[in-house]
Amino acid sequence: MKTTGVIRKLDELGRITLPIELRRSLDLDVKDGLEITVQDDCIILRKAEAGDVFNGRTDDLIEYEGKYISKATIRELASLAGMKIVE
């Protein structure tokens, strides 16, 4: 694991500020989502990928009112509603 040599302290609410150098290198922007995982004694932050709001699929997404849904999910929902999709 690569170390940056940067140390930040947690504030009263458990927050930290990521240095601008890290945000730039990871192409993070304001309001971007971060996936937080723990592995052994490490906290891992990863830029979150957009995913289907119903099942997390990341392929063939369509954005609708700020949310993402995959075409496969749209087909499944249409089928559940008794509709047929003609392509």
N, C-alpha and C. Protein backbone atom coordinates (compact mmCIF):
# COMPACT_ATOMS: atom_id res chain seq x y z
N MET A 1 0.84 -1.17 0.00
CA MET A 1 0.00 0.00 0.00
C MET A 1 0.89 1.24 0.00
N LYS A 2 0.57 2.19 -0.85
CA LYS A 2 1.35 3.41 -0.98
C LYS A 2 0.98 4.40 0.13
N THR A 3 1.98 4.98 0.77
CA THR A 3 1.73 5.98 1.80
C THR A 3 1.98 7.37 1.24
N THR A 4 1.20 8.34 1.71
CA THR A 4 1.33 9.71 1.22
C THR A 4 2.14 10.58 2.15
N GLY A 5 2.32 10.15 3.39
CA GLY A 5 3.02 10.97 4.37
C GLY A 5 2.16 12.07 4.95
N VAL A 6 0.87 12.11 4.61
CA VAL A 6 -0.05 13.13 5.09
C VAL A 6 -0.83 12.57 6.27
N ILE A 7 -0.91 13.35 7.32
CA ILE A 7 -1.67 12.95 8.51
C ILE A 7 -2.75 13.98 8.76
N ARG A 8 -3.97 13.51 8.97
CA ARG A 8 -5.10 14.38 9.28
C ARG A 8 -5.74 13.88 10.56
N LYS A 9 -6.26 14.81 11.37
CA LYS A 9 -6.96 14.45 12.60
C LYS A 9 -8.46 14.45 12.38
N LEU A 10 -9.15 13.53 13.05
CA LEU A 10 -10.60 13.50 13.02
C LEU A 10 -11.15 14.69 13.79
N ASP A 11 -12.25 15.28 13.29
CA ASP A 11 -12.90 16.33 14.06
C ASP A 11 -13.90 15.68 15.02
N GLU A 12 -14.68 16.50 15.70
CA GLU A 12 -15.62 16.00 16.72
C GLU A 12 -16.67 15.06 16.16
N LEU A 13 -16.95 15.19 14.87
CA LEU A 13 -17.96 14.34 14.24
C LEU A 13 -17.36 13.15 13.49
N GLY A 14 -16.05 12.95 13.64
CA GLY A 14 -15.40 11.81 13.00
C GLY A 14 -15.01 12.07 11.55
N ARG A 15 -14.99 13.33 11.13
CA ARG A 15 -14.69 13.66 9.74
C ARG A 15 -13.22 13.99 9.56
N ILE A 16 -12.75 13.77 8.33
CA ILE A 16 -11.41 14.21 7.94
C ILE A 16 -11.53 14.97 6.63
N THR A 17 -10.53 15.76 6.32
CA THR A 17 -10.47 16.45 5.04
C THR A 17 -9.40 15.77 4.20
N LEU A 18 -9.77 15.39 2.98
CA LEU A 18 -8.79 14.79 2.08
C LEU A 18 -8.00 15.91 1.41
N PRO A 19 -6.69 15.82 1.44
CA PRO A 19 -5.87 16.87 0.82
C PRO A 19 -6.18 16.99 -0.68
N ILE A 20 -6.07 18.21 -1.18
CA ILE A 20 -6.39 18.49 -2.58
C ILE A 20 -5.57 17.63 -3.53
N GLU A 21 -4.33 17.32 -3.17
CA GLU A 21 -3.49 16.49 -4.03
C GLU A 21 -4.11 15.11 -4.24
N LEU A 22 -4.66 14.52 -3.16
CA LEU A 22 -5.31 13.22 -3.26
C LEU A 22 -6.59 13.31 -4.08
N ARG A 23 -7.38 14.36 -3.84
CA ARG A 23 -8.63 14.51 -4.59
C ARG A 23 -8.35 14.67 -6.08
N ARG A 24 -7.31 15.42 -6.40
CA ARG A 24 -6.97 15.60 -7.81
C ARG A 24 -6.47 14.29 -8.43
N SER A 25 -5.61 13.58 -7.71
CA SER A 25 -5.05 12.34 -8.27
C SER A 25 -6.12 11.26 -8.47
N LEU A 26 -7.17 11.29 -7.66
CA LEU A 26 -8.26 10.32 -7.78
C LEU A 26 -9.46 10.87 -8.55
N ASP A 27 -9.31 12.09 -9.10
CA ASP A 27 -10.37 12.74 -9.86
C ASP A 27 -11.66 12.83 -9.05
N LEU A 28 -11.53 13.25 -7.78
CA LEU A 28 -12.69 13.43 -6.91
C LEU A 28 -13.14 14.88 -6.96
N ASP A 29 -14.45 15.07 -7.05
CA ASP A 29 -15.01 16.41 -7.09
C ASP A 29 -16.02 16.54 -5.96
N VAL A 30 -16.45 17.76 -5.71
CA VAL A 30 -17.45 18.02 -4.68
C VAL A 30 -18.69 17.17 -4.97
N LYS A 31 -19.23 16.56 -3.94
CA LYS A 31 -20.43 15.72 -3.99
C LYS A 31 -20.22 14.33 -4.60
N ASP A 32 -18.98 13.99 -4.99
CA ASP A 32 -18.73 12.63 -5.48
C ASP A 32 -18.91 11.64 -4.33
N GLY A 33 -19.41 10.48 -4.65
CA GLY A 33 -19.57 9.44 -3.64
C GLY A 33 -18.27 8.67 -3.43
N LEU A 34 -18.04 8.26 -2.19
CA LEU A 34 -16.89 7.43 -1.86
C LEU A 34 -17.39 6.13 -1.25
N GLU A 35 -16.87 5.03 -1.73
CA GLU A 35 -17.16 3.72 -1.16
C GLU A 35 -16.15 3.50 -0.04
N ILE A 36 -16.62 3.13 1.14
CA ILE A 36 -15.75 2.94 2.30
C ILE A 36 -15.78 1.47 2.68
N THR A 37 -14.61 0.84 2.68
CA THR A 37 -14.51 -0.55 3.09
C THR A 37 -13.38 -0.69 4.11
N VAL A 38 -13.41 -1.78 4.84
CA VAL A 38 -12.37 -2.07 5.83
C VAL A 38 -11.74 -3.40 5.47
N GLN A 39 -10.41 -3.43 5.45
CA GLN A 39 -9.68 -4.67 5.19
C GLN A 39 -8.59 -4.77 6.24
N ASP A 40 -8.67 -5.79 7.04
CA ASP A 40 -7.76 -5.95 8.19
C ASP A 40 -7.84 -4.70 9.04
N ASP A 41 -6.73 -3.98 9.18
CA ASP A 41 -6.75 -2.76 10.00
C ASP A 41 -6.69 -1.50 9.15
N CYS A 42 -7.12 -1.59 7.88
CA CYS A 42 -7.06 -0.46 6.95
C CYS A 42 -8.46 -0.02 6.54
N ILE A 43 -8.65 1.28 6.44
CA ILE A 43 -9.87 1.86 5.88
C ILE A 43 -9.56 2.21 4.44
N ILE A 44 -10.37 1.72 3.52
CA ILE A 44 -10.12 1.94 2.09
C ILE A 44 -11.22 2.83 1.54
N LEU A 45 -10.82 3.94 0.91
CA LEU A 45 -11.76 4.84 0.24
C LEU A 45 -11.59 4.66 -1.26
N ARG A 46 -12.70 4.50 -1.96
CA ARG A 46 -12.66 4.33 -3.41
C ARG A 46 -13.78 5.16 -4.01
N LYS A 47 -13.50 5.83 -5.13
CA LYS A 47 -14.54 6.61 -5.80
C LYS A 47 -15.66 5.66 -6.20
N ALA A 48 -16.87 5.99 -5.79
CA ALA A 48 -18.02 5.13 -6.06
C ALA A 48 -18.42 5.22 -7.53
N GLU A 49 -18.75 4.07 -8.10
CA GLU A 49 -19.28 4.03 -9.46
C GLU A 49 -20.78 4.22 -9.40
N ALA A 50 -21.31 4.86 -10.43
CA ALA A 50 -22.76 4.97 -10.54
C ALA A 50 -23.32 3.56 -10.72
N GLY A 51 -24.45 3.30 -10.09
CA GLY A 51 -25.05 1.98 -10.20
C GLY A 51 -26.56 2.06 -10.18
N ASP A 52 -27.18 1.02 -10.68
CA ASP A 52 -28.63 0.90 -10.70
C ASP A 52 -29.16 1.04 -9.28
N VAL A 53 -30.16 1.90 -9.08
CA VAL A 53 -30.70 2.14 -7.74
C VAL A 53 -31.36 0.91 -7.15
N PHE A 54 -31.76 -0.04 -7.99
CA PHE A 54 -32.44 -1.23 -7.50
C PHE A 54 -31.49 -2.37 -7.16
N ASN A 55 -30.44 -2.56 -7.97
CA ASN A 55 -29.61 -3.74 -7.76
C ASN A 55 -28.11 -3.49 -7.89
N GLY A 56 -27.70 -2.25 -8.14
CA GLY A 56 -26.29 -1.92 -8.19
C GLY A 56 -25.59 -2.22 -9.50
N ARG A 57 -26.31 -2.75 -10.48
CA ARG A 57 -25.68 -3.02 -11.78
C ARG A 57 -24.99 -1.75 -12.30
N THR A 58 -23.87 -1.94 -12.98
CA THR A 58 -23.13 -0.78 -13.48
C THR A 58 -23.05 -0.73 -15.00
N ASP A 59 -23.70 -1.67 -15.66
CA ASP A 59 -23.64 -1.69 -17.12
C ASP A 59 -24.93 -1.17 -17.74
N ASP A 60 -24.79 -0.48 -18.87
CA ASP A 60 -25.93 -0.03 -19.67
C ASP A 60 -26.90 0.83 -18.86
N LEU A 61 -26.38 1.87 -18.18
CA LEU A 61 -27.20 2.70 -17.30
C LEU A 61 -27.85 3.86 -18.04
N ILE A 62 -29.02 4.24 -17.55
CA ILE A 62 -29.73 5.42 -18.02
C ILE A 62 -29.97 6.30 -16.79
N GLU A 63 -29.72 7.60 -16.93
CA GLU A 63 -29.97 8.51 -15.81
C GLU A 63 -31.38 9.06 -15.94
N TYR A 64 -32.12 9.02 -14.84
CA TYR A 64 -33.48 9.56 -14.80
C TYR A 64 -33.66 10.30 -13.48
N GLU A 65 -33.87 11.58 -13.56
CA GLU A 65 -34.08 12.45 -12.40
C GLU A 65 -32.99 12.24 -11.34
N GLY A 66 -31.75 12.20 -11.81
CA GLY A 66 -30.61 12.10 -10.90
C GLY A 66 -30.32 10.71 -10.38
N LYS A 67 -31.07 9.74 -10.80
CA LYS A 67 -30.86 8.34 -10.39
C LYS A 67 -30.50 7.52 -11.62
N TYR A 68 -29.84 6.39 -11.39
CA TYR A 68 -29.45 5.51 -12.49
C TYR A 68 -30.21 4.20 -12.42
N ILE A 69 -30.59 3.72 -13.60
CA ILE A 69 -31.27 2.43 -13.71
C ILE A 69 -30.77 1.75 -14.98
N SER A 70 -30.55 0.45 -14.90
CA SER A 70 -30.04 -0.27 -16.06
C SER A 70 -31.19 -0.66 -16.99
N LYS A 71 -30.86 -0.82 -18.25
CA LYS A 71 -31.88 -1.23 -19.22
C LYS A 71 -32.44 -2.60 -18.86
N ALA A 72 -31.60 -3.48 -18.32
CA ALA A 72 -32.08 -4.81 -17.91
C ALA A 72 -33.14 -4.69 -16.82
N THR A 73 -32.93 -3.78 -15.88
CA THR A 73 -33.92 -3.58 -14.81
C THR A 73 -35.21 -3.01 -15.37
N ILE A 74 -35.09 -2.09 -16.32
CA ILE A 74 -36.29 -1.53 -16.95
C ILE A 74 -37.09 -2.65 -17.60
N ARG A 75 -36.42 -3.56 -18.29
CA ARG A 75 -37.11 -4.68 -18.94
C ARG A 75 -37.80 -5.56 -17.89
N GLU A 76 -37.09 -5.84 -16.78
CA GLU A 76 -37.67 -6.67 -15.72
C GLU A 76 -38.90 -6.01 -15.10
N LEU A 77 -38.82 -4.71 -14.86
CA LEU A 77 -39.94 -3.99 -14.27
C LEU A 77 -41.13 -3.95 -15.23
N ALA A 78 -40.85 -3.75 -16.50
CA ALA A 78 -41.92 -3.75 -17.50
C ALA A 78 -42.60 -5.11 -17.54
N SER A 79 -41.82 -6.17 -17.46
CA SER A 79 -42.36 -7.53 -17.45
C SER A 79 -43.26 -7.75 -16.22
N LEU A 80 -42.78 -7.28 -15.06
CA LEU A 80 -43.58 -7.40 -13.84
C LEU A 80 -44.90 -6.64 -13.94
N ALA A 81 -44.87 -5.52 -14.69
CA ALA A 81 -46.09 -4.71 -14.86
C ALA A 81 -46.97 -5.25 -15.97
N GLY A 82 -46.56 -6.37 -16.60
CA GLY A 82 -47.36 -6.98 -17.65
C GLY A 82 -47.21 -6.30 -19.00
N MET A 83 -46.15 -5.57 -19.19
CA MET A 83 -45.91 -4.87 -20.46
C MET A 83 -44.90 -5.63 -21.27
N LYS A 84 -44.99 -5.49 -22.57
CA LYS A 84 -44.02 -6.09 -23.48
C LYS A 84 -43.20 -4.97 -24.09
N ILE A 85 -41.89 -5.18 -24.16
CA ILE A 85 -41.01 -4.19 -24.76
C ILE A 85 -40.72 -4.62 -26.18
N VAL A 86 -40.92 -3.71 -27.10
CA VAL A 86 -40.62 -3.95 -28.51
C VAL A 86 -39.40 -3.13 -28.85
N GLU A 87 -38.37 -3.79 -29.34
CA GLU A 87 -37.13 -3.08 -29.68
C GLU A 87 -36.92 -3.02 -31.16
